[in-house]
N, C-alpha and C. Protein backbone atom coordinates (compact mmCIF):
# COMPACT_ATOMS: atom_id res chain seq x y z
N MET A 1 100.38 190.27 121.29
CA MET A 1 98.98 190.65 121.11
C MET A 1 98.91 191.99 120.39
N ASN A 2 98.08 192.08 119.40
CA ASN A 2 97.92 193.28 118.60
C ASN A 2 97.02 194.27 119.34
N ALA A 3 97.52 195.47 119.64
CA ALA A 3 96.74 196.47 120.36
C ALA A 3 95.96 197.37 119.41
N HIS A 4 96.12 197.19 118.13
CA HIS A 4 95.46 198.04 117.15
C HIS A 4 94.03 197.61 116.91
N LYS A 5 93.14 198.59 116.81
CA LYS A 5 91.79 198.30 116.33
C LYS A 5 91.88 198.01 114.84
N VAL A 6 90.90 197.30 114.32
CA VAL A 6 90.92 196.87 112.92
C VAL A 6 89.63 197.30 112.22
N ILE A 7 89.78 197.86 111.03
CA ILE A 7 88.63 198.19 110.19
C ILE A 7 88.77 197.43 108.88
N ILE A 8 87.70 196.76 108.49
CA ILE A 8 87.58 196.17 107.16
C ILE A 8 86.56 197.05 106.44
N ALA A 9 86.95 197.65 105.35
CA ALA A 9 86.03 198.56 104.67
C ALA A 9 86.17 198.42 103.16
N GLY A 10 85.04 198.52 102.50
CA GLY A 10 85.04 198.47 101.05
C GLY A 10 83.67 198.10 100.52
N TRP A 11 83.68 197.51 99.34
CA TRP A 11 82.43 197.17 98.66
C TRP A 11 82.66 196.04 97.68
N PHE A 12 81.56 195.44 97.27
CA PHE A 12 81.61 194.45 96.20
C PHE A 12 80.34 194.59 95.37
N THR A 13 80.40 194.11 94.15
CA THR A 13 79.23 194.17 93.28
C THR A 13 78.74 192.76 92.96
N VAL A 14 77.44 192.70 92.71
CA VAL A 14 76.78 191.46 92.31
C VAL A 14 75.78 191.82 91.22
N ASP A 15 75.16 190.83 90.64
CA ASP A 15 74.07 191.07 89.68
C ASP A 15 73.03 191.94 90.38
N PRO A 16 72.67 193.07 89.82
CA PRO A 16 71.70 193.96 90.48
C PRO A 16 70.39 193.28 90.87
N SER A 17 69.96 192.30 90.12
CA SER A 17 68.71 191.61 90.46
C SER A 17 68.85 190.73 91.70
N LYS A 18 70.09 190.48 92.15
CA LYS A 18 70.35 189.63 93.31
C LYS A 18 70.83 190.42 94.53
N ARG A 19 71.09 191.72 94.36
CA ARG A 19 71.71 192.51 95.44
C ARG A 19 70.93 192.45 96.75
N ASP A 20 69.63 192.73 96.71
CA ASP A 20 68.86 192.76 97.95
C ASP A 20 68.81 191.39 98.62
N GLU A 21 68.79 190.34 97.82
CA GLU A 21 68.82 188.98 98.35
C GLU A 21 70.13 188.71 99.08
N VAL A 22 71.24 189.18 98.52
CA VAL A 22 72.55 188.99 99.15
C VAL A 22 72.62 189.75 100.48
N VAL A 23 72.16 191.00 100.48
CA VAL A 23 72.16 191.79 101.72
C VAL A 23 71.30 191.10 102.78
N LYS A 24 70.12 190.68 102.42
CA LYS A 24 69.21 189.99 103.35
C LYS A 24 69.83 188.71 103.89
N ALA A 25 70.54 187.98 103.04
CA ALA A 25 71.18 186.73 103.46
C ALA A 25 72.25 186.95 104.53
N HIS A 26 72.79 188.15 104.61
CA HIS A 26 73.82 188.46 105.61
C HIS A 26 73.26 189.01 106.91
N GLU A 27 71.95 189.17 106.99
CA GLU A 27 71.33 189.77 108.18
C GLU A 27 71.68 189.03 109.46
N ASP A 28 71.59 187.70 109.46
CA ASP A 28 71.91 186.93 110.67
C ASP A 28 73.38 187.09 111.06
N LEU A 29 74.27 187.07 110.07
CA LEU A 29 75.69 187.24 110.34
C LEU A 29 75.95 188.61 111.00
N VAL A 30 75.31 189.65 110.50
CA VAL A 30 75.48 190.99 111.06
C VAL A 30 74.99 191.02 112.50
N LYS A 31 73.83 190.45 112.77
CA LYS A 31 73.29 190.43 114.13
C LYS A 31 74.22 189.69 115.08
N ARG A 32 74.71 188.52 114.65
CA ARG A 32 75.61 187.74 115.51
C ARG A 32 76.92 188.47 115.74
N ALA A 33 77.47 189.08 114.70
CA ALA A 33 78.74 189.81 114.85
C ALA A 33 78.60 190.94 115.85
N ARG A 34 77.52 191.69 115.75
CA ARG A 34 77.33 192.83 116.65
C ARG A 34 77.18 192.42 118.11
N GLN A 35 76.87 191.16 118.36
CA GLN A 35 76.77 190.64 119.73
C GLN A 35 78.07 189.99 120.20
N THR A 36 79.03 189.90 119.32
CA THR A 36 80.30 189.24 119.61
C THR A 36 81.24 190.18 120.36
N PRO A 37 81.89 189.69 121.43
CA PRO A 37 82.87 190.53 122.11
C PRO A 37 83.94 191.01 121.12
N GLY A 38 84.24 192.29 121.19
CA GLY A 38 85.26 192.86 120.31
C GLY A 38 84.73 193.46 119.03
N CYS A 39 83.46 193.20 118.69
CA CYS A 39 82.88 193.83 117.50
C CYS A 39 82.35 195.20 117.91
N LEU A 40 82.94 196.24 117.36
CA LEU A 40 82.50 197.60 117.64
C LEU A 40 81.40 198.02 116.67
N ASP A 41 81.41 197.47 115.47
CA ASP A 41 80.35 197.72 114.49
C ASP A 41 80.56 196.80 113.30
N LEU A 42 79.47 196.47 112.63
CA LEU A 42 79.53 195.71 111.39
C LEU A 42 78.28 196.01 110.60
N ALA A 43 78.44 196.31 109.32
CA ALA A 43 77.29 196.60 108.45
C ALA A 43 77.57 196.07 107.05
N ILE A 44 76.58 195.44 106.47
CA ILE A 44 76.60 195.00 105.08
C ILE A 44 75.32 195.57 104.48
N THR A 45 75.45 196.58 103.62
CA THR A 45 74.30 197.36 103.19
C THR A 45 74.27 197.59 101.68
N ALA A 46 73.07 197.76 101.17
CA ALA A 46 72.88 198.11 99.76
C ALA A 46 73.32 199.55 99.54
N ASP A 47 74.06 199.79 98.47
CA ASP A 47 74.48 201.14 98.13
C ASP A 47 73.28 201.93 97.62
N PRO A 48 73.12 203.21 98.03
CA PRO A 48 71.94 203.96 97.62
C PRO A 48 71.93 204.44 96.17
N VAL A 49 73.08 204.40 95.47
CA VAL A 49 73.10 204.92 94.10
C VAL A 49 73.54 203.91 93.05
N ASP A 50 74.16 202.82 93.46
CA ASP A 50 74.62 201.80 92.51
C ASP A 50 73.83 200.52 92.78
N PRO A 51 72.98 200.09 91.86
CA PRO A 51 72.11 198.93 92.10
C PRO A 51 72.83 197.59 92.17
N ALA A 52 74.12 197.57 91.85
CA ALA A 52 74.88 196.32 91.92
C ALA A 52 75.80 196.26 93.15
N ARG A 53 75.95 197.38 93.82
CA ARG A 53 76.98 197.51 94.87
C ARG A 53 76.45 197.23 96.27
N ILE A 54 77.27 196.51 97.06
CA ILE A 54 77.00 196.25 98.47
C ILE A 54 78.20 196.78 99.25
N ASN A 55 77.92 197.62 100.23
CA ASN A 55 78.98 198.20 101.06
C ASN A 55 79.22 197.32 102.27
N ASN A 56 80.49 197.19 102.65
CA ASN A 56 80.88 196.37 103.79
C ASN A 56 81.73 197.22 104.73
N PHE A 57 81.36 197.22 106.02
CA PHE A 57 82.13 197.93 107.03
C PHE A 57 82.18 197.09 108.29
N GLU A 58 83.39 196.84 108.78
CA GLU A 58 83.58 196.11 110.03
C GLU A 58 84.56 196.89 110.88
N PHE A 59 84.28 196.99 112.19
CA PHE A 59 85.15 197.70 113.12
C PHE A 59 85.33 196.79 114.33
N TRP A 60 86.57 196.35 114.54
CA TRP A 60 86.88 195.38 115.59
C TRP A 60 87.88 195.96 116.58
N GLN A 61 87.73 195.54 117.83
CA GLN A 61 88.62 195.99 118.91
C GLN A 61 90.05 195.54 118.64
N SER A 62 90.22 194.36 118.03
CA SER A 62 91.56 193.84 117.76
C SER A 62 91.52 192.81 116.63
N GLU A 63 92.68 192.50 116.10
CA GLU A 63 92.81 191.44 115.09
C GLU A 63 92.36 190.11 115.68
N GLU A 64 92.68 189.87 116.93
CA GLU A 64 92.29 188.63 117.59
C GLU A 64 90.77 188.49 117.65
N ASP A 65 90.07 189.59 117.95
CA ASP A 65 88.60 189.55 117.98
C ASP A 65 88.05 189.25 116.58
N LEU A 66 88.61 189.90 115.58
CA LEU A 66 88.19 189.65 114.20
C LEU A 66 88.37 188.18 113.84
N GLN A 67 89.54 187.64 114.11
CA GLN A 67 89.82 186.25 113.76
C GLN A 67 88.96 185.27 114.55
N SER A 68 88.68 185.59 115.81
CA SER A 68 87.80 184.72 116.61
C SER A 68 86.42 184.64 115.99
N PHE A 69 85.89 185.77 115.55
CA PHE A 69 84.57 185.74 114.91
C PHE A 69 84.64 185.03 113.56
N ARG A 70 85.65 185.31 112.78
CA ARG A 70 85.75 184.67 111.46
C ARG A 70 85.76 183.14 111.58
N ALA A 71 86.33 182.63 112.69
CA ALA A 71 86.40 181.18 112.87
C ALA A 71 85.02 180.55 113.05
N VAL A 72 84.03 181.35 113.50
CA VAL A 72 82.68 180.81 113.75
C VAL A 72 81.60 181.58 112.98
N ALA A 73 82.00 182.45 112.06
CA ALA A 73 81.05 183.36 111.39
C ALA A 73 79.96 182.63 110.62
N ASN A 74 80.28 181.53 110.00
CA ASN A 74 79.31 180.77 109.22
C ASN A 74 78.55 181.67 108.25
N PRO A 75 79.26 182.28 107.29
CA PRO A 75 78.59 183.19 106.35
C PRO A 75 77.58 182.43 105.49
N PRO A 76 76.64 183.17 104.91
CA PRO A 76 75.66 182.50 104.05
C PRO A 76 76.33 181.83 102.86
N LYS A 77 75.67 180.82 102.37
CA LYS A 77 76.17 180.15 101.16
C LYS A 77 76.21 181.15 100.01
N GLN A 78 77.10 180.92 99.08
CA GLN A 78 77.22 181.80 97.92
C GLN A 78 75.89 181.87 97.17
N ILE A 79 75.30 183.05 97.14
CA ILE A 79 74.00 183.23 96.47
C ILE A 79 74.21 183.54 95.00
N THR A 80 75.16 184.41 94.75
CA THR A 80 75.47 184.84 93.39
C THR A 80 76.93 185.26 93.38
N PRO A 81 77.61 185.14 92.29
CA PRO A 81 79.03 185.51 92.26
C PRO A 81 79.25 187.00 92.52
N MET A 82 80.34 187.29 93.24
CA MET A 82 80.79 188.67 93.36
C MET A 82 81.48 189.03 92.05
N LEU A 83 81.09 190.12 91.46
CA LEU A 83 81.63 190.51 90.16
C LEU A 83 82.91 191.33 90.30
N ARG A 84 82.94 192.17 91.33
CA ARG A 84 84.12 193.00 91.59
C ARG A 84 84.20 193.22 93.09
N VAL A 85 85.40 193.21 93.64
CA VAL A 85 85.60 193.40 95.07
C VAL A 85 86.68 194.45 95.28
N GLU A 86 86.36 195.45 96.08
CA GLU A 86 87.31 196.49 96.50
C GLU A 86 87.18 196.59 98.01
N MET A 87 88.08 195.90 98.74
CA MET A 87 87.98 195.85 100.18
C MET A 87 89.39 195.81 100.76
N LEU A 88 89.61 196.54 101.86
CA LEU A 88 90.91 196.57 102.52
C LEU A 88 90.76 196.43 104.02
N LYS A 89 91.79 195.90 104.65
CA LYS A 89 91.86 195.84 106.11
C LYS A 89 92.81 196.94 106.57
N HIS A 90 92.40 197.68 107.59
CA HIS A 90 93.19 198.78 108.13
C HIS A 90 93.45 198.52 109.61
N GLU A 91 94.70 198.66 110.04
CA GLU A 91 95.04 198.58 111.46
C GLU A 91 95.16 200.01 111.97
N ILE A 92 94.39 200.33 113.01
CA ILE A 92 94.28 201.69 113.49
C ILE A 92 95.08 201.85 114.78
N ASP A 93 96.03 202.77 114.78
CA ASP A 93 96.78 203.01 116.02
C ASP A 93 96.46 204.37 116.64
N LYS A 94 95.65 205.17 115.94
CA LYS A 94 95.24 206.45 116.48
C LYS A 94 93.92 206.85 115.85
N SER A 95 92.99 207.35 116.68
CA SER A 95 91.70 207.83 116.19
C SER A 95 91.36 209.13 116.89
N GLY A 96 90.48 209.88 116.28
CA GLY A 96 90.03 211.13 116.89
C GLY A 96 88.77 211.61 116.23
N PRO A 97 88.23 212.72 116.72
CA PRO A 97 87.00 213.26 116.14
C PRO A 97 87.16 213.57 114.65
N PRO A 98 86.11 213.36 113.84
CA PRO A 98 86.22 213.60 112.42
C PRO A 98 86.14 215.08 112.04
N PHE A 99 85.63 215.91 112.94
CA PHE A 99 85.48 217.32 112.61
C PHE A 99 86.04 218.20 113.71
């Protein structure tokens, strides 16, 4: 069993005219994830300065919790193609105050 917390963080771009629609389409997924055991946080948000960019942040208690949710996540149907994706998974073995 993996004792590490997991962070998925990054961003992707879409046609700027479709960005808000894509973010809105993920609203139900975000609500369900935040109610899922092991989800510490999840956000899919419009970037405040790039009209094509959507930021993605997920924080999970464990890899097992992440995979359990992914098995039932039922993401929205593809609304528009992702043009560029920059996203990484991080396994966290130590955390502390940021300041």
